[in-house]
Protein backbone atom coordinates (compact mmCIF):
# COMPACT_ATOMS: atom_id res chain seq x y z
CA MET A 1 -35.37 127.08 -67.76
CA VAL A 2 -33.61 130.03 -66.14
CA ALA A 3 -30.15 131.50 -66.55
CA ILE A 4 -27.83 130.13 -63.88
CA PRO A 5 -24.13 129.99 -62.95
CA ARG A 6 -22.20 126.77 -63.68
CA ARG A 7 -21.90 125.87 -59.99
CA TYR A 8 -25.43 124.38 -60.16
CA ARG A 9 -25.22 120.71 -61.06
CA PRO A 10 -27.72 117.90 -61.82
CA ARG A 11 -29.40 116.35 -58.78
CA SER A 12 -28.10 119.07 -56.48
CA PRO A 13 -30.82 120.65 -54.34
CA ASN A 14 -31.33 124.40 -54.52
CA THR A 15 -34.11 126.80 -53.72
CA SER A 16 -36.03 128.64 -56.39
CA ALA A 17 -38.45 131.29 -55.10
CA GLY A 18 -38.05 129.71 -51.69
CA THR A 19 -38.93 126.21 -52.88
CA CYS A 20 -36.48 123.33 -52.46
CA LEU A 21 -36.10 121.71 -55.88
CA THR A 22 -33.72 119.23 -57.53
CA VAL A 23 -31.75 120.20 -60.63
CA THR A 24 -32.47 117.54 -63.28
CA GLU A 25 -30.63 119.03 -66.27
CA PHE A 26 -28.26 121.93 -66.87
CA ASP A 27 -25.99 123.51 -69.44
CA LYS A 28 -23.76 126.60 -69.50
CA THR A 29 -26.61 129.10 -69.25
CA SER A 30 -29.62 127.35 -67.75
CA PHE A 31 -30.97 124.45 -65.71
CA LYS A 32 -34.20 122.48 -65.36
CA VAL A 33 -36.09 121.32 -62.29
CA GLY A 34 -39.15 119.16 -61.83
CA CYS A 35 -42.19 120.35 -59.87
CA ALA A 36 -44.44 117.76 -58.21
CA PRO A 37 -48.19 118.38 -57.87
CA GLU A 38 -47.73 119.02 -54.12
CA THR A 39 -45.18 121.73 -54.94
CA LEU A 40 -47.58 123.43 -57.33
CA ARG A 41 -50.42 123.25 -54.77
CA ARG A 42 -48.32 124.81 -52.00
CA THR A 43 -46.42 127.47 -53.93
CA ASN A 44 -46.79 130.18 -56.53
CA LEU A 45 -44.50 128.42 -59.02
CA GLY A 46 -47.42 127.46 -61.24
CA SER A 47 -48.13 131.13 -61.90
CA LEU A 48 -44.62 131.89 -63.16
CA LYS A 49 -44.28 132.86 -66.82
CA LYS A 50 -41.38 133.05 -69.23
CA GLY A 51 -39.22 135.95 -68.07
CA SER A 52 -40.40 135.83 -64.45
CA ASN A 53 -37.64 136.51 -61.93
CA VAL A 54 -37.04 134.20 -58.98
CA ASN A 55 -34.67 134.17 -56.02
CA LEU A 56 -32.03 131.43 -56.22
CA GLU A 57 -29.87 129.92 -53.50
CA ARG A 58 -27.81 126.77 -53.30
CA ALA A 59 -28.33 124.40 -50.38
CA VAL A 60 -25.73 124.81 -47.65
CA SER A 61 -23.23 122.04 -47.00
CA ALA A 62 -22.51 120.47 -43.62
CA SER A 63 -19.24 122.43 -43.44
CA THR A 64 -20.90 125.82 -43.98
CA ARG A 65 -20.91 128.31 -41.12
CA MET A 66 -24.55 128.63 -40.04
CA GLY A 67 -26.43 131.17 -37.98
CA GLY A 68 -29.83 132.76 -37.67
CA HIS A 69 -32.84 131.28 -39.42
CA PHE A 70 -32.63 127.77 -40.85
CA VAL A 71 -34.49 127.80 -44.17
CA GLN A 72 -35.48 124.41 -45.57
CA GLY A 73 -37.23 125.44 -48.77
CA HIS A 74 -40.36 123.57 -47.62
CA VAL A 75 -43.09 126.10 -48.38
CA ASP A 76 -46.03 126.15 -45.95
CA THR A 77 -48.41 128.39 -47.87
CA ILE A 78 -48.58 131.43 -50.10
CA ALA A 79 -49.48 134.95 -49.01
CA SER A 80 -50.73 138.00 -50.85
CA ILE A 81 -49.12 141.40 -50.50
CA VAL A 82 -51.61 143.72 -48.80
CA SER A 83 -49.55 146.89 -48.95
CA VAL A 84 -46.08 148.29 -49.62
CA THR A 85 -45.19 151.38 -47.58
CA PRO A 86 -41.95 153.39 -48.02
CA ASP A 87 -40.10 154.20 -44.78
CA GLY A 88 -37.00 156.23 -45.54
CA ASN A 89 -34.97 154.10 -47.94
CA ALA A 90 -36.68 150.95 -46.67
CA LEU A 91 -39.98 149.33 -47.69
CA THR A 92 -42.52 147.81 -45.29
CA PHE A 93 -44.45 144.90 -46.79
CA ARG A 94 -47.68 143.62 -45.24
CA PHE A 95 -48.69 140.04 -46.06
CA LYS A 96 -51.96 138.14 -45.59
CA PRO A 97 -51.59 134.34 -45.72
CA ARG A 98 -53.89 132.09 -47.71
CA ASP A 99 -53.89 129.77 -44.69
CA SER A 100 -54.36 131.87 -41.54
CA ALA A 101 -53.28 128.90 -39.37
CA VAL A 102 -49.62 129.74 -40.08
CA LEU A 103 -49.99 132.98 -38.10
CA ARG A 104 -49.49 131.05 -34.85
CA TYR A 105 -45.88 130.44 -35.92
CA ILE A 106 -45.19 134.08 -36.81
CA VAL A 107 -44.07 136.30 -33.95
CA GLU A 108 -42.76 139.85 -33.80
CA LYS A 109 -38.97 139.93 -34.13
CA GLY A 110 -39.04 136.29 -35.20
CA TYR A 111 -38.21 134.98 -38.66
CA VAL A 112 -40.29 134.26 -41.74
CA THR A 113 -39.11 133.23 -45.18
CA ILE A 114 -40.56 135.11 -48.15
CA ASP A 115 -39.74 133.65 -51.58
CA GLY A 116 -36.63 132.09 -50.02
CA ALA A 117 -35.36 135.21 -48.23
CA SER A 118 -35.18 135.03 -44.43
CA LEU A 119 -36.67 138.23 -43.02
CA THR A 120 -37.42 139.63 -39.57
CA VAL A 121 -41.08 140.12 -38.63
CA THR A 122 -41.66 143.73 -37.56
CA ASN A 123 -45.38 143.50 -36.76
CA VAL A 124 -48.06 140.83 -36.64
CA GLN A 125 -51.83 140.73 -36.22
CA ASP A 126 -53.45 137.37 -35.37
CA GLY A 127 -56.92 136.17 -36.29
CA PRO A 128 -58.81 135.09 -39.43
CA ASP A 129 -58.01 138.42 -41.10
CA GLY A 130 -54.50 138.49 -39.65
CA TRP A 131 -51.33 139.68 -41.34
CA TRP A 132 -47.67 140.34 -40.66
CA GLU A 133 -45.12 142.87 -41.82
CA VAL A 134 -41.43 142.82 -42.73
CA MET A 135 -39.11 145.64 -43.70
CA LEU A 136 -36.73 145.42 -46.65
CA ILE A 137 -33.65 147.57 -46.23
CA ALA A 138 -32.05 149.12 -49.32
CA TYR A 139 -29.45 146.32 -49.63
CA THR A 140 -32.12 143.60 -49.50
CA GLN A 141 -34.20 145.42 -52.09
CA GLU A 142 -31.31 145.05 -54.53
CA LYS A 143 -30.98 141.31 -53.91
CA VAL A 144 -34.50 139.82 -53.79
CA VAL A 145 -37.42 139.75 -56.22
CA THR A 146 -39.97 140.61 -53.52
CA ALA A 147 -38.91 144.27 -53.61
CA ALA A 148 -40.30 144.62 -57.14
CA LYS A 149 -43.68 143.12 -56.24
CA LYS A 150 -46.79 145.13 -55.47
CA SER A 151 -50.15 144.83 -53.71
CA GLY A 152 -52.05 141.77 -54.88
CA ASP A 153 -48.95 139.78 -55.87
CA HIS A 154 -48.27 136.45 -54.20
CA VAL A 155 -45.20 135.14 -52.38
CA ASN A 156 -44.13 131.75 -51.04
CA VAL A 157 -44.01 131.52 -47.25
CA GLU A 158 -42.01 129.22 -44.99
CA VAL A 159 -42.44 129.74 -41.27
CA ASP A 160 -39.75 129.08 -38.68
CA GLN A 161 -39.59 125.31 -38.20
CA VAL A 162 -38.59 125.68 -34.53
CA GLY A 163 -42.10 126.87 -33.68
CA LYS A 164 -43.59 123.75 -35.26
CA TYR A 165 -41.31 121.43 -33.31
CA VAL A 166 -42.04 123.19 -30.04
CA GLU A 167 -45.80 123.05 -30.67
CA LYS A 168 -45.73 119.35 -31.49
CA SER A 169 -43.54 118.51 -28.51
CA VAL A 170 -45.76 120.41 -26.07
CA ALA A 171 -48.93 118.90 -27.57
CA GLY A 172 -47.39 115.43 -27.34
CA TYR A 173 -46.48 115.97 -23.71
CA PHE A 174 -49.99 116.97 -22.70
CA GLU A 175 -51.65 114.28 -24.80
CA GLY A 176 -49.41 111.45 -23.68
CA ALA A 177 -46.75 111.77 -21.03
CA ALA A 178 -48.81 114.05 -18.82
CA ASN A 179 -51.46 111.32 -18.34
CA GLY A 180 -54.13 113.96 -18.13
CA GLU A 181 -52.34 115.91 -15.40
CA PHE A 182 -51.84 119.56 -16.19
CA ALA A 183 -49.86 120.60 -13.11
CA ILE A 184 -47.02 122.09 -15.14
CA LEU A 185 -49.43 124.08 -17.30
CA GLU A 186 -51.22 125.36 -14.20
CA LYS A 187 -47.90 126.52 -12.71
CA MET A 188 -46.99 128.33 -15.92
CA VAL A 189 -50.34 130.11 -16.08
CA ASN A 190 -50.20 131.07 -12.39
CA LYS A 191 -46.70 132.48 -12.85
CA LEU A 192 -47.77 134.60 -15.82
CA VAL A 193 -50.83 135.88 -13.97
CA ASP A 194 -48.76 136.74 -10.89
CA GLU A 195 -46.18 138.61 -13.00
CA LYS A 196 -48.92 140.58 -14.77
CA LEU A 197 -50.64 141.50 -11.52
CA LYS A 198 -47.32 142.55 -10.03
CA SER A 199 -46.61 144.81 -13.01
CA LEU A 200 -50.02 146.41 -12.51
CA GLY A 201 -49.27 146.97 -8.79
CA LYS A 202 -51.94 144.56 -7.57
């Protein structure tokens, strides 16, 4: 159980350390949630101990003003902190995912969710030993638990769901509707090659 404001109620969804969970019991100072085996396999919740801090956020309602990154609380994998580098009053965190396949959804200046906090990707390196970086400004450092973590610690990661939908839609098109014809792909590749050659003066 963790200390929590009264606005959390039984059966209301909320995110704890970036994981969407259902409140099953609560009183004036705490609440309980249940964690399924799938949740424990995907997240770092199983490693939490009494006194561990977590980020908390209530689920938004349909009437809430929305913008930016839509966070579902559906964790894709965990990542380890490779390094923490001060930059003025900000901190640059480098993360290496347990599952390197998620790197295809992480792009520079895109979004990634770390322990429930939506952050902007400042740098990314693809490949089996790939990583990405985010920068925590001073204000964010005061609000999220990630700022207190160090190299070797683990975080929950949720990638931007839009990338997954786009990938599945494109794959579905080429596997089905395209009937084996890749004319549109050929046009896209030719256009990119032409633009690159033009920029090189060729």
